[in-house]
Amino acid sequence: CRVDDVYRMAQGDWLEKNWAVLTRHLRIGKVYLETHRSRVTNSRETMLKVKRFFESRGIKTAGGITLVADEGREFKQFSYTDPADRAHVQEVVSFTAGLFDELILDDFFFTSCKCDRCIRAKGTKSWTDFRLGLLDEAGRSLVMEPARAANPRVKVIIKYPNWYDHFQNLGFNLETQPKYFDKVYTGTE
């Protein structure tokens, strides 16, 4: 459930009114409730209200995070060399892990950024080598470490897209990331 849908679900009695429609032809066993997308983060109260609704009906819940900075600008990515962006990502991960024992990073955990800071950090490396290392480091220090600090029981799933045959060019590190993320998910786009 996207961040805006989760927000709508928490308004008034929207979920109560629409529950019959949602379950008429669909058996729901688990929902991923997105806390963040495009620099919009739902409040703790919003997340807990929706989480409680589903759990009261026997439906498992997990957190979802879409690390895109701005969908409206051709999916502008976070700059993982920018201290402010790094702090924001870490804050969102800590927040989400504090609410759920499982969270999934949607397949936007990559970068195509070529800001001045990234260009300087890249140095003489190829863009691919730079991004592989950058996203490996970000996965460890901005995702896994803060997630575990907020909730030692949390399981973190990294979701990879299935429409690219060049994962590595954007920092999807299929060699290192599956070793420290708890689960890998792909194939449903």
N, C-alpha and C. Protein backbone atom coordinates (compact mmCIF):
# COMPACT_ATOMS: atom_id res chain seq x y z
N CYS A 1 0.86 -1.17 0.00
CA CYS A 1 0.00 0.00 0.00
C CYS A 1 0.90 1.23 0.00
N ARG A 2 0.79 2.02 -1.05
CA ARG A 2 1.62 3.22 -1.18
C ARG A 2 1.35 4.21 -0.04
N VAL A 3 2.31 5.09 0.18
CA VAL A 3 2.25 6.04 1.29
C VAL A 3 0.95 6.86 1.27
N ASP A 4 0.52 7.30 0.10
CA ASP A 4 -0.71 8.09 0.01
C ASP A 4 -1.95 7.24 0.27
N ASP A 5 -1.90 5.98 -0.12
CA ASP A 5 -3.02 5.07 0.16
C ASP A 5 -3.12 4.78 1.66
N VAL A 6 -1.97 4.59 2.31
CA VAL A 6 -1.98 4.35 3.75
C VAL A 6 -2.56 5.56 4.47
N TYR A 7 -2.18 6.75 4.03
CA TYR A 7 -2.73 7.97 4.63
C TYR A 7 -4.25 8.01 4.48
N ARG A 8 -4.74 7.71 3.27
CA ARG A 8 -6.18 7.70 3.02
C ARG A 8 -6.88 6.67 3.89
N MET A 9 -6.26 5.51 4.06
CA MET A 9 -6.85 4.46 4.88
C MET A 9 -7.06 4.90 6.32
N ALA A 10 -6.20 5.79 6.80
CA ALA A 10 -6.27 6.23 8.19
C ALA A 10 -7.28 7.35 8.42
N GLN A 11 -7.82 7.90 7.34
CA GLN A 11 -8.74 9.03 7.48
C GLN A 11 -10.15 8.53 7.83
N GLY A 12 -10.66 9.01 8.93
CA GLY A 12 -12.01 8.66 9.34
C GLY A 12 -12.22 7.16 9.38
N ASP A 13 -13.28 6.71 8.73
CA ASP A 13 -13.58 5.28 8.71
C ASP A 13 -13.47 4.71 7.29
N TRP A 14 -12.54 5.23 6.51
CA TRP A 14 -12.35 4.79 5.12
C TRP A 14 -12.16 3.28 5.03
N LEU A 15 -11.27 2.75 5.86
CA LEU A 15 -11.02 1.30 5.81
C LEU A 15 -12.27 0.51 6.17
N GLU A 16 -12.95 0.90 7.21
CA GLU A 16 -14.19 0.21 7.61
C GLU A 16 -15.18 0.19 6.45
N LYS A 17 -15.38 1.34 5.84
CA LYS A 17 -16.36 1.45 4.76
C LYS A 17 -15.97 0.64 3.53
N ASN A 18 -14.69 0.51 3.27
CA ASN A 18 -14.22 -0.13 2.04
C ASN A 18 -13.73 -1.56 2.23
N TRP A 19 -13.78 -2.05 3.45
CA TRP A 19 -13.28 -3.39 3.73
C TRP A 19 -14.00 -4.46 2.92
N ALA A 20 -15.29 -4.38 2.82
CA ALA A 20 -16.05 -5.39 2.06
C ALA A 20 -15.65 -5.39 0.59
N VAL A 21 -15.43 -4.21 0.04
CA VAL A 21 -15.01 -4.11 -1.36
C VAL A 21 -13.61 -4.71 -1.53
N LEU A 22 -12.72 -4.40 -0.60
CA LEU A 22 -11.35 -4.90 -0.68
C LEU A 22 -11.28 -6.42 -0.60
N THR A 23 -12.17 -7.02 0.17
CA THR A 23 -12.07 -8.46 0.41
C THR A 23 -13.12 -9.30 -0.34
N ARG A 24 -13.96 -8.65 -1.12
CA ARG A 24 -15.00 -9.39 -1.84
C ARG A 24 -14.40 -10.45 -2.77
N HIS A 25 -13.39 -10.07 -3.54
CA HIS A 25 -12.81 -11.00 -4.51
C HIS A 25 -11.33 -11.25 -4.26
N LEU A 26 -10.85 -10.79 -3.13
CA LEU A 26 -9.42 -10.88 -2.85
C LEU A 26 -9.22 -11.35 -1.42
N ARG A 27 -8.45 -12.40 -1.27
CA ARG A 27 -8.11 -12.87 0.07
C ARG A 27 -6.77 -12.24 0.45
N ILE A 28 -6.79 -11.44 1.48
CA ILE A 28 -5.59 -10.72 1.90
C ILE A 28 -4.98 -11.44 3.09
N GLY A 29 -3.70 -11.80 2.96
CA GLY A 29 -3.00 -12.46 4.04
C GLY A 29 -1.91 -11.60 4.66
N LYS A 30 -1.39 -10.66 3.85
CA LYS A 30 -0.31 -9.80 4.33
C LYS A 30 -0.33 -8.51 3.53
N VAL A 31 -0.04 -7.41 4.21
CA VAL A 31 0.08 -6.12 3.52
C VAL A 31 1.40 -5.47 3.89
N TYR A 32 1.98 -4.81 2.90
CA TYR A 32 3.16 -3.97 3.13
C TYR A 32 2.66 -2.54 3.15
N LEU A 33 2.85 -1.88 4.27
CA LEU A 33 2.35 -0.52 4.47
C LEU A 33 3.52 0.45 4.32
N GLU A 34 3.46 1.24 3.28
CA GLU A 34 4.56 2.14 2.96
C GLU A 34 4.58 3.33 3.93
N THR A 35 5.74 3.56 4.50
CA THR A 35 5.91 4.71 5.39
C THR A 35 6.42 5.93 4.65
N HIS A 36 7.15 5.72 3.54
CA HIS A 36 7.84 6.82 2.87
C HIS A 36 7.89 6.63 1.36
N ARG A 37 7.72 7.75 0.65
CA ARG A 37 7.91 7.83 -0.80
C ARG A 37 7.97 9.31 -1.16
N SER A 38 8.87 9.69 -2.01
CA SER A 38 8.99 11.07 -2.50
C SER A 38 9.03 12.10 -1.37
N ARG A 39 9.81 11.79 -0.36
CA ARG A 39 10.00 12.67 0.81
C ARG A 39 8.72 12.90 1.62
N VAL A 40 7.73 12.06 1.41
CA VAL A 40 6.51 12.09 2.22
C VAL A 40 6.60 10.89 3.16
N THR A 41 6.47 11.17 4.45
CA THR A 41 6.49 10.11 5.45
C THR A 41 5.23 10.21 6.29
N ASN A 42 4.49 9.12 6.36
CA ASN A 42 3.29 9.11 7.20
C ASN A 42 3.68 9.21 8.66
N SER A 43 2.78 9.75 9.45
CA SER A 43 3.03 9.88 10.89
C SER A 43 2.95 8.50 11.57
N ARG A 44 3.53 8.44 12.73
CA ARG A 44 3.46 7.21 13.54
C ARG A 44 2.01 6.84 13.81
N GLU A 45 1.19 7.84 14.14
CA GLU A 45 -0.22 7.59 14.44
C GLU A 45 -0.95 7.00 13.24
N THR A 46 -0.68 7.55 12.05
CA THR A 46 -1.29 7.03 10.82
C THR A 46 -0.90 5.57 10.62
N MET A 47 0.39 5.30 10.74
CA MET A 47 0.87 3.94 10.51
C MET A 47 0.27 2.96 11.51
N LEU A 48 0.25 3.35 12.78
CA LEU A 48 -0.27 2.44 13.81
C LEU A 48 -1.77 2.19 13.65
N LYS A 49 -2.52 3.21 13.26
CA LYS A 49 -3.97 3.03 13.07
C LYS A 49 -4.23 2.01 11.96
N VAL A 50 -3.54 2.15 10.84
CA VAL A 50 -3.75 1.22 9.71
C VAL A 50 -3.21 -0.16 10.05
N LYS A 51 -2.07 -0.22 10.69
CA LYS A 51 -1.49 -1.50 11.09
C LYS A 51 -2.46 -2.25 12.02
N ARG A 52 -2.98 -1.55 13.02
CA ARG A 52 -3.93 -2.19 13.96
C ARG A 52 -5.17 -2.70 13.24
N PHE A 53 -5.66 -1.93 12.28
CA PHE A 53 -6.86 -2.35 11.54
C PHE A 53 -6.61 -3.72 10.89
N PHE A 54 -5.53 -3.82 10.14
CA PHE A 54 -5.25 -5.09 9.44
C PHE A 54 -4.98 -6.22 10.43
N GLU A 55 -4.17 -5.95 11.43
CA GLU A 55 -3.84 -7.01 12.38
C GLU A 55 -5.05 -7.48 13.17
N SER A 56 -6.01 -6.60 13.42
CA SER A 56 -7.23 -7.01 14.13
C SER A 56 -8.07 -7.97 13.29
N ARG A 57 -7.78 -8.05 12.01
CA ARG A 57 -8.47 -8.98 11.11
C ARG A 57 -7.60 -10.17 10.73
N GLY A 58 -6.52 -10.36 11.47
CA GLY A 58 -5.64 -11.51 11.25
C GLY A 58 -4.71 -11.37 10.07
N ILE A 59 -4.51 -10.16 9.59
CA ILE A 59 -3.65 -9.94 8.42
C ILE A 59 -2.28 -9.48 8.89
N LYS A 60 -1.24 -10.14 8.40
CA LYS A 60 0.13 -9.77 8.75
C LYS A 60 0.47 -8.42 8.12
N THR A 61 1.29 -7.65 8.83
CA THR A 61 1.73 -6.36 8.31
C THR A 61 3.25 -6.28 8.29
N ALA A 62 3.75 -5.52 7.34
CA ALA A 62 5.18 -5.22 7.23
C ALA A 62 5.30 -3.80 6.72
N GLY A 63 6.43 -3.20 6.98
CA GLY A 63 6.67 -1.85 6.50
C GLY A 63 7.22 -1.85 5.09
N GLY A 64 6.97 -0.77 4.39
CA GLY A 64 7.51 -0.59 3.05
C GLY A 64 8.15 0.78 2.94
N ILE A 65 9.28 0.83 2.25
CA ILE A 65 9.98 2.09 2.03
C ILE A 65 10.33 2.19 0.56
N THR A 66 9.95 3.31 -0.04
CA THR A 66 10.36 3.58 -1.42
C THR A 66 11.31 4.76 -1.38
N LEU A 67 12.58 4.48 -1.61
CA LEU A 67 13.62 5.50 -1.52
C LEU A 67 13.79 6.24 -2.84
N VAL A 68 12.74 6.96 -3.19
CA VAL A 68 12.80 7.87 -4.32
C VAL A 68 12.60 9.27 -3.74
N ALA A 69 13.43 10.21 -4.17
CA ALA A 69 13.37 11.56 -3.61
C ALA A 69 12.20 12.35 -4.18
N ASP A 70 11.89 12.13 -5.46
CA ASP A 70 10.81 12.89 -6.10
C ASP A 70 10.33 12.15 -7.34
N GLU A 71 9.17 11.51 -7.23
CA GLU A 71 8.61 10.80 -8.38
C GLU A 71 8.20 11.75 -9.49
N GLY A 72 7.83 12.96 -9.14
CA GLY A 72 7.35 13.92 -10.12
C GLY A 72 8.42 14.45 -11.04
N ARG A 73 9.68 14.24 -10.70
CA ARG A 73 10.78 14.72 -11.54
C ARG A 73 11.55 13.52 -12.10
N GLU A 74 10.83 12.70 -12.84
CA GLU A 74 11.42 11.53 -13.48
C GLU A 74 12.18 10.65 -12.47
N PHE A 75 11.54 10.42 -11.34
CA PHE A 75 12.10 9.56 -10.31
C PHE A 75 13.49 10.02 -9.86
N LYS A 76 13.57 11.26 -9.42
CA LYS A 76 14.82 11.80 -8.89
C LYS A 76 15.25 10.97 -7.69
N GLN A 77 16.46 10.50 -7.74
CA GLN A 77 16.99 9.64 -6.68
C GLN A 77 17.65 10.46 -5.59
N PHE A 78 17.81 9.83 -4.43
CA PHE A 78 18.59 10.43 -3.37
C PHE A 78 20.05 10.43 -3.79
N SER A 79 20.79 11.41 -3.32
CA SER A 79 22.24 11.42 -3.50
C SER A 79 22.84 10.79 -2.26
N TYR A 80 23.41 9.63 -2.41
CA TYR A 80 23.97 8.91 -1.26
C TYR A 80 25.34 9.45 -0.86
N THR A 81 25.76 10.57 -1.49
CA THR A 81 26.95 11.28 -1.04
C THR A 81 26.56 12.56 -0.30
N ASP A 82 25.30 12.92 -0.29
CA ASP A 82 24.81 14.13 0.35
C ASP A 82 24.46 13.83 1.81
N PRO A 83 25.10 14.49 2.77
CA PRO A 83 24.82 14.21 4.18
C PRO A 83 23.35 14.37 4.55
N ALA A 84 22.66 15.35 3.99
CA ALA A 84 21.24 15.54 4.31
C ALA A 84 20.39 14.38 3.79
N ASP A 85 20.65 13.93 2.57
CA ASP A 85 19.92 12.79 2.02
C ASP A 85 20.22 11.52 2.82
N ARG A 86 21.46 11.33 3.18
CA ARG A 86 21.84 10.15 3.96
C ARG A 86 21.12 10.15 5.31
N ALA A 87 21.08 11.30 5.96
CA ALA A 87 20.39 11.40 7.25
C ALA A 87 18.90 11.11 7.09
N HIS A 88 18.31 11.60 5.99
CA HIS A 88 16.89 11.36 5.75
C HIS A 88 16.61 9.86 5.57
N VAL A 89 17.42 9.20 4.77
CA VAL A 89 17.25 7.76 4.54
C VAL A 89 17.37 7.00 5.86
N GLN A 90 18.37 7.32 6.63
CA GLN A 90 18.59 6.65 7.92
C GLN A 90 17.40 6.88 8.86
N GLU A 91 16.88 8.09 8.88
CA GLU A 91 15.73 8.41 9.72
C GLU A 91 14.49 7.62 9.32
N VAL A 92 14.24 7.52 8.02
CA VAL A 92 13.08 6.78 7.52
C VAL A 92 13.20 5.29 7.85
N VAL A 93 14.39 4.75 7.68
CA VAL A 93 14.61 3.34 7.99
C VAL A 93 14.41 3.07 9.49
N SER A 94 14.98 3.92 10.33
CA SER A 94 14.81 3.76 11.78
C SER A 94 13.35 3.83 12.18
N PHE A 95 12.65 4.81 11.62
CA PHE A 95 11.22 4.99 11.90
C PHE A 95 10.44 3.73 11.54
N THR A 96 10.66 3.22 10.33
CA THR A 96 9.91 2.07 9.84
C THR A 96 10.25 0.81 10.64
N ALA A 97 11.52 0.59 10.91
CA ALA A 97 11.93 -0.58 11.69
C ALA A 97 11.37 -0.53 13.11
N GLY A 98 11.16 0.66 13.62
CA GLY A 98 10.58 0.80 14.94
C GLY A 98 9.11 0.43 15.00
N LEU A 99 8.46 0.36 13.84
CA LEU A 99 7.04 0.03 13.77
C LEU A 99 6.76 -1.42 13.37
N PHE A 100 7.69 -2.03 12.65
CA PHE A 100 7.45 -3.35 12.06
C PHE A 100 8.63 -4.28 12.32
N ASP A 101 8.35 -5.57 12.38
CA ASP A 101 9.40 -6.58 12.50
C ASP A 101 9.91 -7.03 11.13
N GLU A 102 9.29 -6.51 10.09
CA GLU A 102 9.75 -6.80 8.73
C GLU A 102 9.53 -5.55 7.90
N LEU A 103 10.50 -5.25 7.03
CA LEU A 103 10.31 -4.15 6.10
C LEU A 103 10.93 -4.51 4.77
N ILE A 104 10.37 -3.92 3.73
CA ILE A 104 10.87 -4.15 2.38
C ILE A 104 11.30 -2.81 1.79
N LEU A 105 12.48 -2.81 1.19
CA LEU A 105 12.93 -1.67 0.41
C LEU A 105 12.43 -1.89 -1.00
N ASP A 106 11.57 -1.02 -1.47
CA ASP A 106 11.10 -1.15 -2.83
C ASP A 106 12.30 -1.01 -3.77
N ASP A 107 12.11 -1.34 -5.01
CA ASP A 107 13.23 -1.44 -5.95
C ASP A 107 13.79 -0.09 -6.41
N PHE A 108 13.60 0.93 -5.62
CA PHE A 108 14.19 2.23 -5.91
C PHE A 108 15.45 2.49 -5.09
N PHE A 109 16.00 1.47 -4.45
CA PHE A 109 17.25 1.64 -3.71
C PHE A 109 18.40 1.52 -4.71
N PHE A 110 18.54 2.59 -5.49
CA PHE A 110 19.60 2.68 -6.49
C PHE A 110 19.90 4.17 -6.66
N THR A 111 20.86 4.46 -7.50
CA THR A 111 21.15 5.86 -7.77
C THR A 111 21.59 6.06 -9.21
N SER A 112 21.15 7.15 -9.77
CA SER A 112 21.62 7.60 -11.08
C SER A 112 22.16 9.02 -10.94
N CYS A 113 22.37 9.44 -9.70
CA CYS A 113 22.79 10.80 -9.40
C CYS A 113 24.16 11.12 -10.00
N LYS A 114 24.26 12.30 -10.58
CA LYS A 114 25.54 12.81 -11.09
C LYS A 114 25.75 14.24 -10.60
N CYS A 115 25.37 14.47 -9.33
CA CYS A 115 25.57 15.80 -8.75
C CYS A 115 27.08 16.04 -8.59
N ASP A 116 27.43 17.27 -8.31
CA ASP A 116 28.85 17.61 -8.15
C ASP A 116 29.51 16.78 -7.06
N ARG A 117 28.79 16.53 -5.96
CA ARG A 117 29.35 15.75 -4.85
C ARG A 117 29.63 14.31 -5.32
N CYS A 118 28.70 13.73 -6.08
CA CYS A 118 28.91 12.36 -6.59
C CYS A 118 30.07 12.33 -7.59
N ILE A 119 30.15 13.33 -8.44
CA ILE A 119 31.24 13.38 -9.42
C ILE A 119 32.59 13.43 -8.70
N ARG A 120 32.69 14.25 -7.65
CA ARG A 120 33.95 14.33 -6.88
C ARG A 120 34.24 12.99 -6.19
N ALA A 121 33.21 12.39 -5.58
CA ALA A 121 33.42 11.12 -4.86
C ALA A 121 33.78 9.98 -5.82
N LYS A 122 33.25 10.03 -7.01
CA LYS A 122 33.52 9.00 -8.02
C LYS A 122 34.99 8.98 -8.40
N GLY A 123 35.59 10.16 -8.49
CA GLY A 123 37.00 10.22 -8.88
C GLY A 123 37.24 9.56 -10.21
N THR A 124 38.20 8.65 -10.26
CA THR A 124 38.57 8.00 -11.52
C THR A 124 37.85 6.66 -11.74
N LYS A 125 37.01 6.28 -10.80
CA LYS A 125 36.26 5.02 -10.96
C LYS A 125 35.24 5.16 -12.08
N SER A 126 34.81 4.05 -12.63
CA SER A 126 33.67 4.07 -13.55
C SER A 126 32.42 4.35 -12.74
N TRP A 127 31.38 4.83 -13.40
CA TRP A 127 30.12 5.07 -12.69
C TRP A 127 29.61 3.77 -12.07
N THR A 128 29.75 2.67 -12.77
CA THR A 128 29.29 1.38 -12.24
C THR A 128 30.04 1.01 -10.97
N ASP A 129 31.37 1.06 -11.00
CA ASP A 129 32.15 0.70 -9.81
C ASP A 129 31.84 1.64 -8.64
N PHE A 130 31.74 2.93 -8.94
CA PHE A 130 31.42 3.90 -7.90
C PHE A 130 30.07 3.59 -7.26
N ARG A 131 29.06 3.36 -8.09
CA ARG A 131 27.71 3.13 -7.56
C ARG A 131 27.58 1.80 -6.84
N LEU A 132 28.27 0.77 -7.32
CA LEU A 132 28.24 -0.51 -6.62
C LEU A 132 28.78 -0.35 -5.20
N GLY A 133 29.90 0.33 -5.06
CA GLY A 133 30.48 0.55 -3.74
C GLY A 133 29.62 1.46 -2.88
N LEU A 134 29.11 2.52 -3.48
CA LEU A 134 28.29 3.49 -2.75
C LEU A 134 27.03 2.85 -2.18
N LEU A 135 26.32 2.08 -3.01
CA LEU A 135 25.07 1.47 -2.55
C LEU A 135 25.33 0.29 -1.61
N ASP A 136 26.47 -0.36 -1.75
CA ASP A 136 26.83 -1.40 -0.78
C ASP A 136 27.04 -0.76 0.59
N GLU A 137 27.79 0.34 0.62
CA GLU A 137 28.03 1.05 1.88
C GLU A 137 26.73 1.61 2.44
N ALA A 138 25.90 2.20 1.59
CA ALA A 138 24.62 2.77 2.04
C ALA A 138 23.70 1.69 2.58
N GLY A 139 23.69 0.54 1.95
CA GLY A 139 22.86 -0.57 2.43
C GLY A 139 23.24 -0.99 3.83
N ARG A 140 24.52 -1.00 4.09
CA ARG A 140 25.01 -1.41 5.42
C ARG A 140 24.78 -0.30 6.45
N SER A 141 25.25 0.93 6.14
CA SER A 141 25.26 1.98 7.16
C SER A 141 23.98 2.79 7.26
N LEU A 142 23.21 2.89 6.16
CA LEU A 142 21.99 3.70 6.18
C LEU A 142 20.73 2.85 6.30
N VAL A 143 20.85 1.56 6.03
CA VAL A 143 19.67 0.69 6.11
C VAL A 143 19.83 -0.34 7.23
N MET A 144 20.76 -1.24 7.09
CA MET A 144 20.84 -2.36 8.04
C MET A 144 21.20 -1.92 9.46
N GLU A 145 22.21 -1.07 9.61
CA GLU A 145 22.61 -0.65 10.96
C GLU A 145 21.50 0.11 11.68
N PRO A 146 20.89 1.13 11.06
CA PRO A 146 19.82 1.82 11.78
C PRO A 146 18.57 0.96 11.99
N ALA A 147 18.30 0.06 11.06
CA ALA A 147 17.14 -0.83 11.22
C ALA A 147 17.34 -1.72 12.44
N ARG A 148 18.52 -2.31 12.55
CA ARG A 148 18.82 -3.20 13.69
C ARG A 148 18.88 -2.42 15.00
N ALA A 149 19.37 -1.18 14.94
CA ALA A 149 19.43 -0.37 16.16
C ALA A 149 18.02 -0.04 16.66
N ALA A 150 17.11 0.21 15.73
CA ALA A 150 15.74 0.54 16.10
C ALA A 150 14.94 -0.69 16.53
N ASN A 151 15.26 -1.84 15.94
CA ASN A 151 14.51 -3.06 16.22
C ASN A 151 15.41 -4.26 15.92
N PRO A 152 16.04 -4.83 16.92
CA PRO A 152 16.95 -5.96 16.69
C PRO A 152 16.29 -7.17 16.02
N ARG A 153 14.96 -7.27 16.09
CA ARG A 153 14.24 -8.41 15.48
C ARG A 153 13.89 -8.18 14.01
N VAL A 154 14.06 -6.97 13.51
CA VAL A 154 13.58 -6.64 12.17
C VAL A 154 14.29 -7.46 11.10
N LYS A 155 13.53 -7.89 10.13
CA LYS A 155 14.05 -8.55 8.93
C LYS A 155 13.88 -7.57 7.79
N VAL A 156 14.96 -7.33 7.06
CA VAL A 156 14.94 -6.34 5.97
C VAL A 156 15.07 -7.07 4.64
N ILE A 157 14.10 -6.81 3.77
CA ILE A 157 14.06 -7.41 2.44
C ILE A 157 14.47 -6.34 1.43
N ILE A 158 15.36 -6.69 0.54
CA ILE A 158 15.68 -5.80 -0.57
C ILE A 158 14.98 -6.35 -1.80
N LYS A 159 14.25 -5.48 -2.47
CA LYS A 159 13.50 -5.88 -3.66
C LYS A 159 14.24 -5.34 -4.88
N TYR A 160 14.52 -6.23 -5.79
CA TYR A 160 15.18 -5.83 -7.04
C TYR A 160 14.16 -5.79 -8.16
N PRO A 161 14.33 -4.85 -9.08
CA PRO A 161 13.43 -4.80 -10.23
C PRO A 161 13.75 -5.95 -11.18
N ASN A 162 12.82 -6.27 -12.04
CA ASN A 162 13.12 -7.32 -13.01
C ASN A 162 13.14 -6.79 -14.43
N TRP A 163 13.14 -5.47 -14.59
CA TRP A 163 13.12 -4.94 -15.94
C TRP A 163 14.48 -4.44 -16.42
N TYR A 164 15.50 -4.56 -15.60
CA TYR A 164 16.84 -4.14 -16.01
C TYR A 164 17.74 -5.35 -16.20
N ASP A 165 18.51 -5.35 -17.24
CA ASP A 165 19.53 -6.38 -17.39
C ASP A 165 20.89 -5.80 -17.00
N HIS A 166 20.90 -4.61 -16.49
CA HIS A 166 22.14 -3.94 -16.11
C HIS A 166 22.03 -3.39 -14.68
N PHE A 167 21.65 -4.26 -13.75
CA PHE A 167 21.48 -3.86 -12.35
C PHE A 167 22.66 -3.03 -11.85
N GLN A 168 23.87 -3.51 -12.11
CA GLN A 168 25.06 -2.93 -11.52
C GLN A 168 25.30 -1.48 -11.92
N ASN A 169 24.83 -1.05 -13.06
CA ASN A 169 25.08 0.32 -13.51
C ASN A 169 24.47 1.37 -12.59
N LEU A 170 23.44 0.99 -11.86
CA LEU A 170 22.77 1.93 -10.95
C LEU A 170 23.04 1.60 -9.48
N GLY A 171 23.94 0.65 -9.24
CA GLY A 171 24.34 0.34 -7.88
C GLY A 171 23.64 -0.85 -7.25
N PHE A 172 22.78 -1.54 -7.99
CA PHE A 172 22.19 -2.77 -7.46
C PHE A 172 23.32 -3.78 -7.34
N ASN A 173 23.75 -4.07 -6.13
CA ASN A 173 24.92 -4.89 -5.93
C ASN A 173 24.51 -6.32 -5.60
N LEU A 174 24.33 -7.11 -6.64
CA LEU A 174 23.86 -8.49 -6.47
C LEU A 174 24.93 -9.41 -5.90
N GLU A 175 26.17 -8.93 -5.85
CA GLU A 175 27.23 -9.73 -5.25
C GLU A 175 27.26 -9.59 -3.73
N THR A 176 27.13 -8.37 -3.23
CA THR A 176 27.30 -8.16 -1.78
C THR A 176 25.99 -8.03 -1.02
N GLN A 177 24.99 -7.34 -1.57
CA GLN A 177 23.78 -7.05 -0.80
C GLN A 177 23.03 -8.29 -0.31
N PRO A 178 22.88 -9.33 -1.12
CA PRO A 178 22.17 -10.51 -0.61
C PRO A 178 22.84 -11.17 0.60
N LYS A 179 24.09 -10.85 0.85
CA LYS A 179 24.80 -11.43 1.99
C LYS A 179 24.43 -10.76 3.31
N TYR A 180 23.99 -9.51 3.28
CA TYR A 180 23.67 -8.85 4.55
C TYR A 180 22.22 -8.43 4.69
N PHE A 181 21.47 -8.36 3.60
CA PHE A 181 20.03 -8.19 3.74
C PHE A 181 19.46 -9.55 4.12
N ASP A 182 18.34 -9.53 4.85
CA ASP A 182 17.79 -10.80 5.33
C ASP A 182 17.12 -11.61 4.23
N LYS A 183 16.52 -10.93 3.27
CA LYS A 183 15.84 -11.60 2.17
C LYS A 183 15.98 -10.78 0.90
N VAL A 184 15.82 -11.45 -0.23
CA VAL A 184 15.80 -10.81 -1.54
C VAL A 184 14.48 -11.14 -2.19
N TYR A 185 13.87 -10.13 -2.82
CA TYR A 185 12.59 -10.33 -3.50
C TYR A 185 12.70 -9.71 -4.89
N THR A 186 12.20 -10.42 -5.90
CA THR A 186 12.17 -9.88 -7.26
C THR A 186 11.17 -10.63 -8.09
N GLY A 187 10.81 -10.04 -9.22
CA GLY A 187 10.05 -10.78 -10.21
C GLY A 187 8.58 -10.49 -10.32
N THR A 188 8.05 -9.44 -9.71
CA THR A 188 6.61 -9.22 -9.78
C THR A 188 6.22 -7.88 -10.41
N GLU A 189 7.11 -7.28 -11.16
CA GLU A 189 6.77 -6.00 -11.78
C GLU A 189 5.90 -6.24 -13.00
